[in-house]
Amino acid sequence: MAIIITDECINCGACEPECPNNAIYEGGIEWAVKDGTTLKGDYILENGKTVDASAKQKPIMDDYYYIVPDKCTECVGFHEEPQCAAVCPVDCCVPDPDRVESKESLLTRKSRLHL
C-alpha cells in the first residue's frame, strides 16, 4: 500500500529528502513523474491515464505535504521500512488502507520509475 500523510502534518519537511522516489511534495507544489527518476516520455499512471513524465501535475494537497501514490514504493527495494514514517516527528506518515499493494507490485513500480 502507498503511504499517506495525514492532516496532522506540521509541514516540517523532514520526510521529503528521505524519499528515494521523490514522491513527497510540499503542499500546493505541482509534481511530475520524472522528478527524481530517470524517466522520459510517456508514463501510464495507475488510473490508466497516460502522461508525459516531465509534465507537471496538480498538487494532491494544498495545505500540507503529500505523497504521490503513483511514485510511492513504501521504500521497498531501498530500505527495510518507509523512511518518511521513520523520520516523521508526529507520526503522520501512515499506510493508506485504500491502497493495499503487494511487495511485488511495489517492486514493479520501483523498476518502472528507476530504469
C-alpha atoms as a PDB file:
ATOM      1  CA  MET A   1       0.000   0.000   0.000  1.00  0.00           C
ATOM      2  CA  ALA A   2       1.161   3.516  -0.573  1.00  0.00           C
ATOM      3  CA  ILE A   3       1.904   5.733   2.379  1.00  0.00           C
ATOM      4  CA  ILE A   4      -0.219   8.832   3.002  1.00  0.00           C
ATOM      5  CA  ILE A   5       0.435  11.928   5.052  1.00  0.00           C
ATOM      6  CA  THR A   6      -2.444  12.804   7.347  1.00  0.00           C
ATOM      7  CA  ASP A   7      -3.735  16.262   8.175  1.00  0.00           C
ATOM      8  CA  GLU A   8      -1.752  16.057  11.424  1.00  0.00           C
ATOM      9  CA  CYS A   9       1.301  17.062   9.343  1.00  0.00           C
ATOM     10  CA  ILE A  10       3.157  20.046  10.823  1.00  0.00           C
ATOM     11  CA  ASN A  11       4.892  20.871   7.498  1.00  0.00           C
ATOM     12  CA  CYS A  12       8.363  20.289   8.950  1.00  0.00           C
ATOM     13  CA  GLY A  13       9.660  18.806   5.682  1.00  0.00           C
ATOM     14  CA  ALA A  14      11.670  16.028   7.347  1.00  0.00           C
ATOM     15  CA  CYS A  15      10.128  13.386   5.099  1.00  0.00           C
ATOM     16  CA  GLU A  16      10.760  14.952   1.700  1.00  0.00           C
ATOM     17  CA  PRO A  17      14.538  14.409   1.379  1.00  0.00           C
ATOM     18  CA  GLU A  18      14.249  10.844   2.709  1.00  0.00           C
ATOM     19  CA  CYS A  19      12.081   9.568  -0.162  1.00  0.00           C
ATOM     20  CA  PRO A  20      14.113   7.559  -2.695  1.00  0.00           C
ATOM     21  CA  ASN A  21      11.412   8.088  -5.327  1.00  0.00           C
ATOM     22  CA  ASN A  22      10.881  11.837  -4.899  1.00  0.00           C
ATOM     23  CA  ALA A  23       7.239  11.009  -4.207  1.00  0.00           C
ATOM     24  CA  ILE A  24       6.821  13.597  -1.429  1.00  0.00           C
ATOM     25  CA  TYR A  25       5.933  17.204  -2.188  1.00  0.00           C
ATOM     26  CA  GLU A  26       5.189  20.301  -0.169  1.00  0.00           C
ATOM     27  CA  GLY A  27       1.513  21.235  -0.139  1.00  0.00           C
ATOM     28  CA  GLY A  28       0.468  23.257  -3.187  1.00  0.00           C
ATOM     29  CA  ILE A  29       3.531  22.257  -5.248  1.00  0.00           C
ATOM     30  CA  GLU A  30       2.981  20.604  -8.637  1.00  0.00           C
ATOM     31  CA  TRP A  31       4.589  17.220  -9.209  1.00  0.00           C
ATOM     32  CA  ALA A  32       5.937  15.261 -12.180  1.00  0.00           C
ATOM     33  CA  VAL A  33       6.632  11.549 -12.532  1.00  0.00           C
ATOM     34  CA  LYS A  34      10.181  12.268 -13.711  1.00  0.00           C
ATOM     35  CA  ASP A  35      11.113  14.206 -10.573  1.00  0.00           C
ATOM     36  CA  GLY A  36      13.955  12.222  -9.010  1.00  0.00           C
ATOM     37  CA  THR A  37      13.750   9.428 -11.580  1.00  0.00           C
ATOM     38  CA  THR A  38      15.319   8.572 -14.925  1.00  0.00           C
ATOM     39  CA  LEU A  39      12.010   8.551 -16.795  1.00  0.00           C
ATOM     40  CA  LYS A  40      11.426  10.213 -20.148  1.00  0.00           C
ATOM     41  CA  GLY A  41       8.445  10.221 -22.482  1.00  0.00           C
ATOM     42  CA  ASP A  42       5.032   8.767 -21.721  1.00  0.00           C
ATOM     43  CA  TYR A  43       4.176   7.107 -18.424  1.00  0.00           C
ATOM     44  CA  ILE A  44       0.933   5.315 -17.583  1.00  0.00           C
ATOM     45  CA  LEU A  45      -0.437   6.220 -14.163  1.00  0.00           C
ATOM     46  CA  GLU A  46      -2.220   3.650 -12.018  1.00  0.00           C
ATOM     47  CA  ASN A  47      -5.597   5.061 -13.104  1.00  0.00           C
ATOM     48  CA  GLY A  48      -4.725   4.269 -16.732  1.00  0.00           C
ATOM     49  CA  LYS A  49      -4.091   7.884 -17.740  1.00  0.00           C
ATOM     50  CA  THR A  50      -1.010   8.431 -19.908  1.00  0.00           C
ATOM     51  CA  VAL A  51       1.058  11.497 -19.057  1.00  0.00           C
ATOM     52  CA  ASP A  52       4.359  12.889 -20.226  1.00  0.00           C
ATOM     53  CA  ALA A  53       6.801  12.026 -17.424  1.00  0.00           C
ATOM     54  CA  SER A  54       8.009  15.625 -17.283  1.00  0.00           C
ATOM     55  CA  ALA A  55       4.537  17.209 -17.370  1.00  0.00           C
ATOM     56  CA  LYS A  56       3.573  18.966 -14.160  1.00  0.00           C
ATOM     57  CA  GLN A  57       0.504  17.570 -12.399  1.00  0.00           C
ATOM     58  CA  LYS A  58      -1.842  19.302  -9.986  1.00  0.00           C
ATOM     59  CA  PRO A  59      -0.939  19.124  -6.296  1.00  0.00           C
ATOM     60  CA  ILE A  60      -2.748  16.418  -4.352  1.00  0.00           C
ATOM     61  CA  MET A  61      -2.872  18.609  -1.234  1.00  0.00           C
ATOM     62  CA  ASP A  62      -2.595  22.340  -0.761  1.00  0.00           C
ATOM     63  CA  ASP A  63      -2.200  22.718   2.989  1.00  0.00           C
ATOM     64  CA  TYR A  64       0.424  20.125   3.953  1.00  0.00           C
ATOM     65  CA  TYR A  65       2.977  17.712   2.479  1.00  0.00           C
ATOM     66  CA  TYR A  66       1.635  14.872   0.361  1.00  0.00           C
ATOM     67  CA  ILE A  67       2.830  11.641  -1.233  1.00  0.00           C
ATOM     68  CA  VAL A  68       2.117  10.832  -4.888  1.00  0.00           C
ATOM     69  CA  PRO A  69       0.776   7.255  -4.788  1.00  0.00           C
ATOM     70  CA  ASP A  70       1.955   6.586  -8.357  1.00  0.00           C
ATOM     71  CA  LYS A  71       5.530   7.137  -7.154  1.00  0.00           C
ATOM     72  CA  CYS A  72       5.425   5.612  -3.653  1.00  0.00           C
ATOM     73  CA  THR A  73       7.007   2.196  -3.206  1.00  0.00           C
ATOM     74  CA  GLU A  74       6.973   2.259   0.608  1.00  0.00           C
ATOM     75  CA  CYS A  75      10.779   2.262   0.180  1.00  0.00           C
ATOM     76  CA  VAL A  76      10.607  -1.410  -0.889  1.00  0.00           C
ATOM     77  CA  GLY A  77      13.835  -2.246  -2.686  1.00  0.00           C
ATOM     78  CA  PHE A  78      15.615   0.644  -0.964  1.00  0.00           C
ATOM     79  CA  HIS A  79      15.089   0.345   2.807  1.00  0.00           C
ATOM     80  CA  GLU A  80      13.588  -2.002   5.380  1.00  0.00           C
ATOM     81  CA  GLU A  81      10.826   0.480   6.284  1.00  0.00           C
ATOM     82  CA  PRO A  82       9.244   3.615   4.793  1.00  0.00           C
ATOM     83  CA  GLN A  83      11.724   6.373   5.522  1.00  0.00           C
ATOM     84  CA  CYS A  84       9.091   9.100   5.690  1.00  0.00           C
ATOM     85  CA  ALA A  85       7.421   7.305   8.594  1.00  0.00           C
ATOM     86  CA  ALA A  86      10.776   6.674  10.267  1.00  0.00           C
ATOM     87  CA  VAL A  87      11.684  10.387  10.399  1.00  0.00           C
ATOM     88  CA  CYS A  88       8.248  11.943  10.942  1.00  0.00           C
ATOM     89  CA  PRO A  89       8.179  13.647  14.357  1.00  0.00           C
ATOM     90  CA  VAL A  90       4.374  13.486  14.628  1.00  0.00           C
ATOM     91  CA  ASP A  91       3.763  10.036  13.097  1.00  0.00           C
ATOM     92  CA  CYS A  92       1.539  11.331  10.295  1.00  0.00           C
ATOM     93  CA  CYS A  93       3.077   9.153   7.527  1.00  0.00           C
ATOM     94  CA  VAL A  94       0.887   6.063   7.661  1.00  0.00           C
ATOM     95  CA  PRO A  95      -0.164   3.211   5.353  1.00  0.00           C
ATOM     96  CA  ASP A  96      -3.099   4.082   3.107  1.00  0.00           C
ATOM     97  CA  PRO A  97      -5.819   1.493   3.847  1.00  0.00           C
ATOM     98  CA  ASP A  98      -7.431   2.260   0.478  1.00  0.00           C
ATOM     99  CA  ARG A  99      -4.287   1.241  -1.482  1.00  0.00           C
ATOM    100  CA  VAL A 100      -3.237  -2.218  -0.367  1.00  0.00           C
ATOM    101  CA  GLU A 101      -0.392  -3.374  -2.638  1.00  0.00           C
ATOM    102  CA  SER A 102       1.841  -6.428  -2.644  1.00  0.00           C
ATOM    103  CA  LYS A 103       5.599  -6.286  -2.288  1.00  0.00           C
ATOM    104  CA  GLU A 104       5.800  -7.486  -5.899  1.00  0.00           C
ATOM    105  CA  SER A 105       3.679  -4.596  -7.195  1.00  0.00           C
ATOM    106  CA  LEU A 106       5.807  -2.125  -5.225  1.00  0.00           C
ATOM    107  CA  LEU A 107       8.981  -3.625  -6.706  1.00  0.00           C
ATOM    108  CA  THR A 108       7.446  -3.412 -10.181  1.00  0.00           C
ATOM    109  CA  ARG A 109       6.702   0.281  -9.616  1.00  0.00           C
ATOM    110  CA  LYS A 110      10.268   0.807  -8.412  1.00  0.00           C
ATOM    111  CA  SER A 111      11.659  -0.772 -11.589  1.00  0.00           C
ATOM    112  CA  ARG A 112       9.347   1.345 -13.767  1.00  0.00           C
ATOM    113  CA  LEU A 113      10.461   4.547 -12.042  1.00  0.00           C
ATOM    114  CA  HIS A 114      14.162   3.758 -11.985  1.00  0.00           C
ATOM    115  CA  LEU A 115      15.126   2.421 -15.402  1.00  0.00           C
END
